[in-house]
N, C-alpha and C. Protein backbone atom coordinates (compact mmCIF):
# COMPACT_ATOMS: atom_id res chain seq x y z
N MET A 1 33.43 -12.49 -6.31
CA MET A 1 32.74 -13.60 -6.11
C MET A 1 31.94 -13.36 -5.00
N ILE A 2 30.36 -13.68 -5.23
CA ILE A 2 30.06 -13.57 -3.76
C ILE A 2 30.09 -13.93 -3.28
N LEU A 3 30.05 -15.44 -3.14
CA LEU A 3 30.87 -16.47 -1.75
C LEU A 3 31.69 -16.02 -1.16
N ILE A 4 32.93 -15.49 -1.73
CA ILE A 4 34.00 -15.03 -1.06
C ILE A 4 33.66 -13.68 -0.25
N ASP A 5 33.13 -12.96 -0.88
CA ASP A 5 33.11 -11.59 -0.34
C ASP A 5 32.38 -11.79 0.97
N GLU A 6 31.35 -12.83 1.12
CA GLU A 6 30.43 -13.08 2.16
C GLU A 6 31.48 -13.71 3.38
N TYR A 7 32.31 -14.68 2.63
CA TYR A 7 32.91 -15.44 3.71
C TYR A 7 34.42 -15.14 4.60
N PHE A 8 35.09 -13.93 3.61
CA PHE A 8 36.16 -13.12 3.75
C PHE A 8 35.88 -11.55 4.15
N ARG A 9 34.79 -10.99 3.92
CA ARG A 9 34.37 -9.64 3.62
C ARG A 9 35.47 -8.85 4.96
N HIS A 10 35.18 -9.37 6.23
CA HIS A 10 36.15 -8.98 7.30
C HIS A 10 37.90 -9.11 7.44
N TYR A 11 38.30 -9.88 6.22
CA TYR A 11 39.15 -10.24 6.22
C TYR A 11 40.16 -9.97 4.90
N PRO A 12 40.84 -8.77 4.50
CA PRO A 12 40.92 -8.80 3.53
C PRO A 12 42.33 -9.28 2.42
N ALA A 13 42.96 -9.62 3.69
CA ALA A 13 44.41 -10.40 2.74
C ALA A 13 43.66 -11.88 2.65
N ARG A 14 43.17 -12.28 3.73
CA ARG A 14 42.34 -13.96 3.23
C ARG A 14 41.60 -14.10 2.29
N LYS A 15 41.24 -12.83 1.98
CA LYS A 15 40.22 -12.47 0.57
C LYS A 15 40.89 -12.51 -0.60
N LYS A 16 42.25 -11.78 -0.92
CA LYS A 16 42.70 -11.49 -1.76
C LYS A 16 43.60 -13.36 -1.90
N VAL A 17 43.82 -14.29 -0.91
CA VAL A 17 44.30 -15.34 -1.08
C VAL A 17 43.44 -16.16 -1.79
N ALA A 18 42.02 -15.69 -1.49
CA ALA A 18 40.69 -16.94 -1.22
C ALA A 18 40.55 -16.71 -3.01
N GLU A 19 41.00 -15.44 -3.44
CA GLU A 19 40.77 -14.86 -5.06
C GLU A 19 41.74 -15.23 -5.77
N PHE A 20 43.25 -15.29 -5.15
CA PHE A 20 44.05 -15.89 -5.97
C PHE A 20 43.62 -17.21 -6.38
N LEU A 21 43.56 -18.33 -5.34
CA LEU A 21 43.25 -19.29 -5.54
C LEU A 21 41.78 -19.80 -6.07
N LEU A 22 40.94 -19.11 -6.28
CA LEU A 22 39.62 -18.96 -7.29
C LEU A 22 40.31 -19.35 -9.13
N ARG A 23 41.04 -17.45 -9.26
CA ARG A 23 41.65 -17.63 -10.09
C ARG A 23 42.91 -18.33 -11.16
N HIS A 24 43.26 -19.41 -10.58
CA HIS A 24 44.04 -20.06 -11.13
C HIS A 24 43.71 -21.61 -10.71
N GLY A 25 42.80 -21.46 -10.11
CA GLY A 25 42.18 -23.07 -10.29
C GLY A 25 42.86 -23.97 -9.20
N ILE A 26 43.30 -23.36 -8.28
CA ILE A 26 44.01 -24.03 -7.26
C ILE A 26 42.89 -24.68 -6.35
N GLU A 27 43.22 -26.23 -6.43
CA GLU A 27 42.36 -26.41 -5.22
C GLU A 27 42.65 -26.89 -3.65
N ILE A 28 41.26 -26.65 -3.25
CA ILE A 28 42.21 -27.22 -1.74
C ILE A 28 41.58 -28.33 -1.07
N ARG A 29 42.03 -29.29 -0.96
CA ARG A 29 41.76 -30.36 -0.22
C ARG A 29 42.27 -31.32 0.96
N ASN A 30 42.10 -31.67 2.13
CA ASN A 30 42.42 -32.25 2.77
C ASN A 30 43.61 -31.36 3.84
N GLY A 31 43.57 -29.89 3.45
CA GLY A 31 44.34 -29.12 4.28
C GLY A 31 45.92 -28.76 3.36
N SER A 32 45.96 -29.15 2.12
CA SER A 32 46.59 -28.91 0.96
C SER A 32 46.16 -28.16 -0.40
N MET A 33 47.07 -27.05 -1.00
CA MET A 33 46.74 -26.10 -1.97
C MET A 33 46.90 -26.91 -3.42
N LEU A 34 46.28 -27.75 -4.21
CA LEU A 34 46.72 -28.58 -5.43
C LEU A 34 46.65 -28.17 -6.34
N LEU A 35 47.48 -28.09 -7.78
CA LEU A 35 47.21 -27.19 -8.93
C LEU A 35 47.19 -28.77 -9.91
N ASP A 36 46.28 -28.85 -10.54
CA ASP A 36 46.22 -29.75 -11.07
C ASP A 36 46.74 -31.80 -10.50
N GLY A 37 46.60 -31.55 -8.86
CA GLY A 37 47.08 -32.76 -8.23
C GLY A 37 48.50 -32.13 -7.76
N VAL A 38 49.36 -31.62 -7.94
CA VAL A 38 50.62 -31.24 -7.45
C VAL A 38 50.17 -29.75 -6.44
N GLU A 39 50.96 -30.47 -5.43
CA GLU A 39 50.97 -29.65 -4.03
C GLU A 39 51.76 -28.44 -4.25
N LEU A 40 51.16 -27.51 -4.03
CA LEU A 40 51.98 -26.47 -3.97
C LEU A 40 52.19 -25.74 -2.50
N PRO A 41 53.71 -24.98 -2.17
CA PRO A 41 54.08 -24.74 -1.26
C PRO A 41 52.99 -23.48 -0.95
N ILE A 42 52.73 -23.44 1.13
CA ILE A 42 52.26 -22.17 1.74
C ILE A 42 53.44 -21.01 1.01
N THR A 43 54.58 -21.36 1.30
CA THR A 43 55.63 -20.29 0.95
C THR A 43 55.39 -19.84 -0.06
N GLU A 44 55.43 -20.47 -1.19
CA GLU A 44 55.49 -19.76 -2.81
C GLU A 44 53.69 -18.78 -2.64
N VAL A 45 52.58 -19.39 -2.27
CA VAL A 45 51.29 -18.99 -2.72
C VAL A 45 51.70 -17.30 -1.58
N ALA A 46 52.08 -17.40 -0.45
CA ALA A 46 52.56 -16.32 0.46
C ALA A 46 53.17 -15.13 -0.37
N ARG A 47 54.41 -15.69 -1.21
CA ARG A 47 55.22 -14.70 -2.11
C ARG A 47 53.87 -14.06 -3.00
N ALA A 48 53.45 -15.25 -3.73
CA ALA A 48 52.76 -14.14 -4.73
C ALA A 48 51.61 -13.56 -4.51
N THR A 49 50.81 -13.35 -3.18
CA THR A 49 50.00 -13.08 -2.79
C THR A 49 50.21 -11.68 -2.39
N GLY A 50 51.44 -11.73 -1.81
CA GLY A 50 52.15 -10.70 -0.72
C GLY A 50 51.72 -10.65 0.46
N VAL A 51 51.08 -11.58 0.86
CA VAL A 51 50.81 -12.15 2.49
C VAL A 51 51.89 -12.85 3.11
N THR A 52 51.05 -12.83 4.59
CA THR A 52 52.25 -13.86 5.32
C THR A 52 51.63 -15.69 5.01
N ARG A 53 52.90 -16.53 5.77
CA ARG A 53 52.16 -17.73 5.50
C ARG A 53 51.38 -18.13 6.57
N LYS A 54 51.08 -17.43 7.93
CA LYS A 54 49.63 -17.81 8.52
C LYS A 54 48.42 -17.08 7.94
N VAL A 55 48.73 -16.19 7.48
CA VAL A 55 47.60 -15.78 6.45
C VAL A 55 46.57 -16.41 5.11
N VAL A 56 47.63 -17.30 4.51
CA VAL A 56 47.70 -18.54 3.64
C VAL A 56 46.71 -19.50 4.98
N TYR A 57 47.62 -19.99 5.53
CA TYR A 57 47.18 -21.27 6.32
C TYR A 57 46.03 -20.72 7.08
N LEU A 58 45.66 -19.56 7.40
CA LEU A 58 44.11 -19.09 7.87
C LEU A 58 43.24 -19.27 6.45
N THR A 59 43.57 -18.98 5.61
CA THR A 59 42.40 -18.99 4.31
C THR A 59 42.50 -20.21 4.07
N VAL A 60 43.13 -21.41 3.94
CA VAL A 60 43.14 -22.66 3.89
C VAL A 60 41.71 -23.34 5.12
N GLU A 61 42.26 -22.95 6.07
CA GLU A 61 41.81 -23.41 7.11
C GLU A 61 40.16 -23.10 7.43
N THR A 62 39.96 -21.84 6.82
CA THR A 62 38.67 -21.13 6.44
C THR A 62 37.98 -22.06 5.40
N ILE A 63 38.68 -22.31 4.67
CA ILE A 63 37.94 -22.71 3.55
C ILE A 63 37.79 -24.17 3.57
N GLU A 64 38.46 -25.07 4.52
CA GLU A 64 38.07 -26.47 4.67
C GLU A 64 36.83 -26.25 5.64
N ASN A 65 36.97 -25.29 6.81
CA ASN A 65 35.99 -26.04 7.57
C ASN A 65 34.58 -25.26 7.41
N THR A 66 34.25 -24.74 6.36
CA THR A 66 32.70 -23.35 5.73
C THR A 66 32.64 -24.17 4.63
N ASN A 67 31.24 -25.22 4.82
CA ASN A 67 30.63 -25.93 3.86
C ASN A 67 30.77 -25.56 2.38
N ALA A 68 30.46 -24.61 2.25
CA ALA A 68 29.81 -24.02 0.79
C ALA A 68 31.18 -23.27 0.32
N LEU A 69 32.08 -23.04 0.79
CA LEU A 69 33.61 -22.83 0.31
C LEU A 69 34.85 -23.96 -0.33
N ARG A 70 34.26 -24.67 1.25
CA ARG A 70 34.69 -26.42 0.39
C ARG A 70 34.36 -27.27 -1.00
N LEU A 71 33.32 -27.14 -1.19
CA LEU A 71 32.49 -27.49 -2.14
C LEU A 71 32.82 -26.97 -3.32
N LEU A 72 33.50 -25.88 -2.92
CA LEU A 72 33.61 -24.55 -4.41
C LEU A 72 35.09 -25.46 -4.68
N PHE A 73 36.01 -25.26 -3.68
CA PHE A 73 37.63 -25.21 -3.83
C PHE A 73 37.74 -26.82 -3.95
N GLU A 74 36.83 -27.09 -3.86
CA GLU A 74 37.70 -29.15 -4.19
C GLU A 74 37.01 -29.28 -5.38
N ARG A 75 36.59 -28.40 -5.94
CA ARG A 75 36.21 -28.70 -7.64
C ARG A 75 37.01 -27.57 -8.79
N LEU A 76 37.89 -26.75 -7.94
CA LEU A 76 38.44 -26.44 -9.03
C LEU A 76 39.44 -27.08 -9.67
N ARG A 77 39.89 -26.32 -10.53
CA ARG A 77 40.76 -27.07 -11.77
C ARG A 77 41.50 -25.78 -12.68
N PRO A 78 42.37 -25.96 -12.78
CA PRO A 78 43.80 -25.27 -13.71
C PRO A 78 42.68 -25.08 -15.36
N GLU A 79 42.90 -24.51 -15.72
CA GLU A 79 42.02 -24.07 -17.11
C GLU A 79 43.47 -23.58 -18.55
N LEU A 80 43.28 -24.28 -19.18
CA LEU A 80 44.17 -23.82 -20.55
C LEU A 80 43.52 -22.92 -21.20
N ARG A 81 44.48 -21.68 -21.20
CA ARG A 81 43.88 -20.71 -21.87
C ARG A 81 44.43 -20.35 -23.80
N ILE A 82 43.68 -20.75 -24.69
CA ILE A 82 43.90 -20.91 -25.69
C ILE A 82 44.55 -19.46 -26.48
N GLU A 83 43.62 -18.35 -25.86
CA GLU A 83 44.28 -16.99 -26.43
C GLU A 83 45.79 -16.76 -26.05
N ASP A 84 46.33 -17.33 -25.10
CA ASP A 84 47.36 -17.05 -24.74
C ASP A 84 48.95 -18.33 -25.78
N LEU A 85 48.09 -18.93 -26.19
CA LEU A 85 48.73 -19.77 -26.89
C LEU A 85 49.09 -19.38 -28.62
N ALA A 86 47.27 -18.84 -29.03
CA ALA A 86 47.19 -18.29 -30.47
C ALA A 86 47.82 -17.75 -30.74
N PRO A 87 49.16 -16.65 -30.49
CA PRO A 87 49.84 -15.94 -31.39
C PRO A 87 50.96 -17.32 -32.12
N ALA A 88 51.46 -18.12 -31.19
CA ALA A 88 52.35 -18.95 -30.92
C ALA A 88 52.10 -19.99 -32.10
N MET A 89 50.32 -20.17 -32.79
CA MET A 89 50.15 -21.40 -33.69
C MET A 89 49.88 -20.54 -34.40
N ASN A 90 49.84 -19.24 -34.69
CA ASN A 90 49.56 -18.36 -35.86
C ASN A 90 48.04 -17.88 -35.85
N TRP A 91 47.50 -18.01 -34.87
CA TRP A 91 45.97 -17.68 -35.13
C TRP A 91 45.77 -16.41 -34.65
N GLU A 92 44.96 -15.75 -34.43
CA GLU A 92 44.59 -14.57 -34.05
C GLU A 92 43.20 -14.75 -33.16
N VAL A 93 42.99 -13.51 -32.42
CA VAL A 93 42.58 -13.55 -30.80
C VAL A 93 41.36 -11.90 -31.32
N LEU A 94 40.42 -12.51 -31.34
CA LEU A 94 39.64 -11.18 -31.09
C LEU A 94 38.81 -11.34 -29.92
N GLU A 95 39.27 -10.01 -28.72
CA GLU A 95 38.84 -9.50 -27.32
C GLU A 95 37.80 -8.45 -27.42
N LEU A 96 36.80 -8.85 -27.17
CA LEU A 96 35.61 -8.08 -26.95
C LEU A 96 35.28 -7.49 -25.27
N LYS A 97 35.16 -6.20 -25.11
CA LYS A 97 34.28 -6.27 -23.95
C LYS A 97 33.17 -5.29 -24.48
N LEU A 98 31.72 -5.51 -23.38
CA LEU A 98 30.96 -5.52 -23.42
C LEU A 98 29.91 -4.29 -22.79
N ALA A 99 29.16 -3.76 -23.44
CA ALA A 99 29.05 -2.37 -22.51
C ALA A 99 28.40 -3.06 -21.45
N ASP A 100 26.83 -3.48 -21.99
CA ASP A 100 26.18 -4.69 -21.44
C ASP A 100 26.02 -6.13 -22.28
N ASP A 101 25.04 -7.07 -21.25
CA ASP A 101 24.92 -8.50 -22.38
C ASP A 101 23.77 -8.73 -22.25
N ASP A 102 23.21 -8.82 -23.29
CA ASP A 102 21.75 -8.38 -23.88
C ASP A 102 21.78 -9.92 -24.82
N GLY A 103 23.03 -10.20 -24.64
CA GLY A 103 23.15 -11.50 -25.25
C GLY A 103 23.09 -11.98 -26.96
N ARG A 104 23.58 -11.03 -27.17
CA ARG A 104 23.07 -10.40 -28.96
C ARG A 104 24.11 -10.33 -29.65
N ALA A 105 25.44 -9.78 -28.75
CA ALA A 105 26.25 -9.47 -29.36
C ALA A 105 27.42 -10.46 -29.86
N LEU A 106 27.35 -11.68 -28.87
CA LEU A 106 28.25 -12.82 -29.27
C LEU A 106 27.44 -13.46 -30.47
N PRO A 107 26.46 -13.95 -31.23
CA PRO A 107 26.15 -14.47 -32.19
C PRO A 107 26.21 -13.86 -33.20
N ALA A 108 26.28 -12.46 -32.88
CA ALA A 108 26.04 -11.81 -34.56
C ALA A 108 27.91 -11.76 -34.46
N VAL A 109 28.50 -11.86 -33.97
CA VAL A 109 30.21 -11.80 -34.35
C VAL A 109 30.54 -12.88 -34.92
N LEU A 110 29.70 -13.80 -34.25
CA LEU A 110 30.36 -15.26 -34.68
C LEU A 110 29.72 -15.31 -36.18
N ASP A 111 28.49 -15.00 -36.27
CA ASP A 111 28.07 -14.82 -38.20
C ASP A 111 28.77 -14.46 -38.69
N VAL A 112 29.41 -12.86 -38.34
CA VAL A 112 30.46 -12.29 -39.07
C VAL A 112 31.41 -13.38 -39.36
N LEU A 113 31.91 -13.51 -38.05
CA LEU A 113 33.31 -14.41 -38.66
C LEU A 113 32.74 -15.51 -39.65
N LEU A 114 32.01 -16.00 -39.73
CA LEU A 114 31.19 -17.35 -40.08
C LEU A 114 31.72 -17.01 -41.72
N ARG A 115 30.75 -15.88 -41.54
CA ARG A 115 30.33 -15.64 -42.70
C ARG A 115 31.70 -15.05 -43.99
N ASP A 116 32.95 -14.69 -43.05
CA ASP A 116 34.11 -14.15 -43.51
C ASP A 116 35.06 -15.21 -43.89
N GLY A 117 34.33 -16.72 -43.56
CA GLY A 117 34.82 -17.60 -44.09
C GLY A 117 35.99 -17.83 -42.71
N ASN A 118 35.72 -17.53 -41.94
CA ASN A 118 36.74 -17.74 -40.56
C ASN A 118 36.56 -18.79 -39.55
N ARG A 119 36.54 -19.84 -39.47
CA ARG A 119 36.05 -20.81 -38.65
C ARG A 119 36.72 -20.38 -36.62
N PRO A 120 36.13 -20.14 -35.98
CA PRO A 120 36.41 -20.09 -34.74
C PRO A 120 37.00 -21.35 -34.05
N ILE A 121 38.21 -21.14 -33.36
CA ILE A 121 38.80 -22.56 -32.82
C ILE A 121 38.32 -22.47 -31.11
N SER A 122 38.07 -21.36 -30.76
CA SER A 122 38.14 -21.35 -28.89
C SER A 122 37.20 -19.91 -28.97
N VAL A 123 36.05 -20.09 -28.03
CA VAL A 123 35.43 -19.01 -27.39
C VAL A 123 35.41 -19.15 -26.25
N ARG A 124 35.63 -18.09 -25.85
CA ARG A 124 35.61 -17.95 -24.45
C ARG A 124 34.10 -16.79 -23.82
N PHE A 125 33.51 -16.76 -23.22
CA PHE A 125 32.61 -15.48 -22.84
C PHE A 125 32.68 -15.42 -21.04
N GLY A 126 33.15 -14.16 -20.98
CA GLY A 126 33.01 -14.01 -19.64
C GLY A 126 31.75 -12.81 -18.55
N ASN A 127 30.98 -13.45 -17.96
CA ASN A 127 30.18 -12.33 -17.26
C ASN A 127 29.85 -11.95 -15.78
N LEU A 128 31.27 -12.48 -14.68
CA LEU A 128 31.38 -12.54 -13.59
C LEU A 128 30.59 -11.14 -12.64
N PRO A 129 29.97 -11.06 -11.86
CA PRO A 129 29.71 -9.68 -10.70
C PRO A 129 31.13 -9.14 -10.90
N GLY A 130 30.83 -7.78 -10.74
CA GLY A 130 31.57 -6.89 -10.69
C GLY A 130 32.65 -6.90 -11.96
N GLU A 131 32.62 -7.48 -13.05
CA GLU A 131 33.09 -7.34 -14.06
C GLU A 131 32.56 -7.39 -15.36
N ALA A 132 32.71 -5.91 -16.41
CA ALA A 132 32.39 -6.30 -17.53
C ALA A 132 32.32 -7.28 -18.27
N PRO A 133 31.30 -7.63 -19.01
CA PRO A 133 31.24 -8.78 -19.66
C PRO A 133 32.30 -8.50 -21.24
N TYR A 134 32.67 -9.71 -21.23
CA TYR A 134 33.44 -9.82 -21.93
C TYR A 134 33.76 -11.14 -22.59
N PHE A 135 34.27 -11.20 -24.47
CA PHE A 135 34.20 -12.49 -25.26
C PHE A 135 35.27 -12.43 -26.04
N SER A 136 35.99 -13.39 -25.76
CA SER A 136 37.35 -13.33 -26.82
C SER A 136 37.03 -14.62 -27.70
N ILE A 137 37.80 -14.64 -28.94
CA ILE A 137 37.76 -15.73 -30.09
C ILE A 137 38.35 -16.00 -30.83
N VAL A 138 39.28 -17.19 -30.34
CA VAL A 138 40.33 -17.46 -31.08
C VAL A 138 40.07 -18.00 -32.88
N VAL A 139 40.22 -17.39 -33.78
CA VAL A 139 40.22 -17.96 -35.28
C VAL A 139 41.53 -18.25 -35.40
N GLU A 140 41.34 -19.06 -36.66
CA GLU A 140 42.43 -19.76 -37.62
C GLU A 140 43.37 -18.85 -38.38
N ARG A 141 42.76 -17.70 -38.99
CA ARG A 141 43.29 -16.53 -39.87
C ARG A 141 42.60 -15.51 -39.84
N PRO A 142 43.88 -14.30 -40.17
CA PRO A 142 43.54 -13.42 -39.83
C PRO A 142 41.75 -12.61 -40.49
N ILE A 143 40.86 -11.74 -39.39
CA ILE A 143 40.03 -11.56 -39.37
C ILE A 143 40.31 -10.11 -40.33
N SER A 144 39.72 -10.19 -41.84
CA SER A 144 39.53 -9.02 -42.90
C SER A 144 38.87 -7.84 -42.37
N GLY A 145 39.45 -7.12 -43.08
CA GLY A 145 38.87 -5.63 -42.61
C GLY A 145 37.32 -5.28 -42.84
N GLU A 146 36.94 -5.98 -43.37
CA GLU A 146 35.48 -6.15 -43.94
C GLU A 146 34.71 -6.60 -42.61
N ALA A 147 35.21 -7.05 -41.99
CA ALA A 147 34.63 -8.27 -41.07
C ALA A 147 34.83 -7.32 -39.57
N ILE A 148 35.87 -6.61 -39.68
CA ILE A 148 36.04 -5.69 -38.08
C ILE A 148 35.60 -4.96 -38.80
N SER A 149 35.24 -3.94 -39.63
CA SER A 149 33.92 -3.09 -39.88
C SER A 149 32.89 -3.73 -39.50
N LYS A 150 32.49 -4.39 -39.75
CA LYS A 150 31.04 -5.11 -39.55
C LYS A 150 30.85 -5.53 -38.14
N ILE A 151 31.86 -5.79 -37.53
CA ILE A 151 31.96 -6.16 -35.67
C ILE A 151 31.88 -5.00 -35.14
N GLU A 152 32.21 -4.00 -35.71
CA GLU A 152 32.39 -2.51 -34.88
C GLU A 152 30.76 -2.01 -34.90
N GLY A 153 30.34 -2.33 -35.74
CA GLY A 153 28.70 -1.63 -36.16
C GLY A 153 27.83 -2.83 -35.43
N ILE A 154 28.23 -3.56 -34.78
CA ILE A 154 27.08 -4.59 -33.48
C ILE A 154 27.22 -3.75 -32.44
N GLY A 155 25.71 -3.41 -32.09
CA GLY A 155 25.72 -2.96 -30.98
C GLY A 155 26.17 -3.71 -29.50
N GLY A 156 26.29 -2.95 -28.76
CA GLY A 156 26.81 -3.35 -27.00
C GLY A 156 28.28 -3.58 -26.49
N ILE A 157 28.93 -3.55 -28.23
CA ILE A 157 30.48 -3.46 -28.16
C ILE A 157 30.95 -2.32 -27.47
N GLU A 158 31.74 -2.23 -26.76
CA GLU A 158 32.46 -0.90 -26.01
C GLU A 158 34.09 -1.16 -26.66
N ARG A 159 34.71 -1.85 -26.49
CA ARG A 159 35.68 -2.34 -26.70
C ARG A 159 36.29 -3.12 -27.90
N MET A 160 37.21 -3.18 -28.70
CA MET A 160 37.86 -4.34 -29.06
C MET A 160 39.32 -4.45 -29.45
N LEU A 161 39.90 -5.91 -29.08
CA LEU A 161 40.85 -5.77 -29.03
C LEU A 161 41.44 -6.49 -30.09
N ILE A 162 42.41 -7.21 -31.07
CA ILE A 162 42.91 -7.67 -31.86
C ILE A 162 44.17 -8.21 -31.19
N LYS A 163 44.70 -9.44 -31.41
CA LYS A 163 45.75 -10.01 -31.07
C LYS A 163 46.93 -10.64 -32.42
N THR A 164 47.02 -10.42 -32.91
CA THR A 164 47.41 -11.41 -34.28
C THR A 164 49.50 -12.02 -33.83
N PRO A 165 49.57 -12.49 -34.49
CA PRO A 165 50.82 -13.56 -34.39
C PRO A 165 52.09 -12.82 -34.89
N GLU A 166 51.62 -11.58 -35.98
CA GLU A 166 53.02 -10.85 -36.14
C GLU A 166 53.72 -10.14 -34.63
N LYS A 167 54.76 -9.67 -35.30
CA LYS A 167 56.18 -9.52 -33.92
C LYS A 167 55.69 -8.06 -34.15
N VAL A 168 55.93 -7.11 -34.85
CA VAL A 168 55.57 -5.89 -35.02
C VAL A 168 54.17 -5.16 -34.64
N LYS A 169 53.92 -4.85 -33.71
CA LYS A 169 52.65 -4.30 -33.00
C LYS A 169 52.36 -3.33 -32.65
N THR A 170 52.43 -2.32 -33.46
CA THR A 170 52.52 -0.07 -32.97
C THR A 170 51.60 0.00 -33.98
N LYS A 171 50.92 -0.74 -34.44
CA LYS A 171 49.87 0.47 -35.87
C LYS A 171 48.31 0.24 -35.08
N LEU A 172 47.98 1.49 -35.03
CA LEU A 172 46.38 1.77 -34.07
C LEU A 172 45.55 1.53 -35.43
N VAL A 173 44.44 0.75 -35.77
CA VAL A 173 43.78 0.85 -36.93
C VAL A 173 42.61 1.95 -36.52
N CYS A 174 41.95 2.28 -35.59
CA CYS A 174 41.40 3.09 -35.63
C CYS A 174 40.60 3.27 -33.89
N THR A 175 39.72 4.38 -33.22
CA THR A 175 39.80 4.62 -32.29
C THR A 175 39.15 3.78 -31.14
N PHE A 176 38.11 2.81 -32.20
CA PHE A 176 37.12 2.00 -31.88
C PHE A 176 38.22 0.52 -31.14
N CYS A 177 39.18 0.25 -31.85
CA CYS A 177 39.85 -0.73 -31.64
C CYS A 177 41.46 -0.37 -31.03
N GLU A 178 41.41 -1.29 -30.41
CA GLU A 178 42.60 -1.30 -29.76
C GLU A 178 43.69 -2.49 -30.09
N VAL A 179 44.18 -2.16 -31.27
CA VAL A 179 44.81 -3.09 -31.80
C VAL A 179 46.23 -3.60 -31.80
N LYS A 180 47.08 -4.53 -31.62
CA LYS A 180 48.45 -4.25 -31.16
C LYS A 180 49.26 -4.26 -32.75
N TYR A 181 48.76 -5.13 -33.83
CA TYR A 181 48.97 -4.85 -34.53
C TYR A 181 47.85 -5.29 -35.88
N CYS A 182 47.82 -4.58 -37.04
CA CYS A 182 47.08 -4.96 -38.22
C CYS A 182 47.30 -4.35 -39.83
N PRO A 183 47.85 -6.11 -39.95
CA PRO A 183 48.22 -5.72 -41.25
C PRO A 183 47.37 -5.60 -42.51
N ARG A 184 46.15 -5.08 -41.94
CA ARG A 184 44.80 -5.03 -42.97
C ARG A 184 44.25 -3.82 -42.76
N ARG A 185 45.36 -2.80 -42.55
CA ARG A 185 44.98 -1.34 -42.10
C ARG A 185 44.12 -0.79 -42.70
N LEU A 186 42.63 -0.51 -41.90
CA LEU A 186 41.23 0.33 -42.61
C LEU A 186 42.04 1.58 -42.73
N SER A 187 41.08 2.08 -43.96
CA SER A 187 41.59 3.87 -44.57
C SER A 187 40.56 4.38 -43.11
N GLY A 188 41.47 4.91 -43.36
CA GLY A 188 40.57 6.45 -42.29
C GLY A 188 41.77 6.56 -40.66
N GLY A 189 42.17 4.99 -40.87
CA GLY A 189 42.59 4.81 -39.27
C GLY A 189 44.09 5.88 -39.09
N VAL A 190 44.97 5.61 -37.58
CA VAL A 190 45.73 6.47 -37.32
C VAL A 190 46.93 5.68 -37.32
N GLU A 191 48.31 5.89 -37.50
CA GLU A 191 49.43 5.25 -37.52
C GLU A 191 50.42 5.77 -36.68
N ILE A 192 50.34 5.23 -35.80
CA ILE A 192 51.20 5.87 -34.30
C ILE A 192 52.49 5.78 -34.18
N ALA A 193 53.52 6.21 -33.97
CA ALA A 193 55.12 6.12 -33.37
C ALA A 193 55.04 5.52 -32.41
N ASP A 194 56.17 5.10 -32.29
CA ASP A 194 56.80 4.85 -30.55
C ASP A 194 57.55 5.75 -29.97
């Protein structure tokens, strides 16, 4: 993130801590690190980031004393990732990495899923600086082989990953997809053994 890069460019260890705090939605307020209102021990954040406690203290101090950073970190909140819960809920997750973001891939994929009779439960899109654009869609039932083929034909998609609730996850559908398990194996796909 540009703001963190700007203020921590000469302090790689502090930058690592700041990125950790941001990624996990850890709020900084009155010199404390809060995760949804619960104060986190400095020692545990130091251990999780592989730095000393002093580095964590200095990072928090920099955030508190820099108006732009303070405004950012005071507003952070943890986020529930439905994608992580989907297999336990018997839902399927379609994750797509985009080659570029011209804004056409997401509506096209959603259209394919809706025409396939599959209602999206959650859609997450990311296009942060320094990361490849991606989106993930949680759907309530398995995506059909026909829908997968249509999605594969949509321009701008670099990689497709399907997470299913099934326990056996060793079958590769095709070279385009990175499917952990697919009960709807497409013709021409390759099966790999352990």
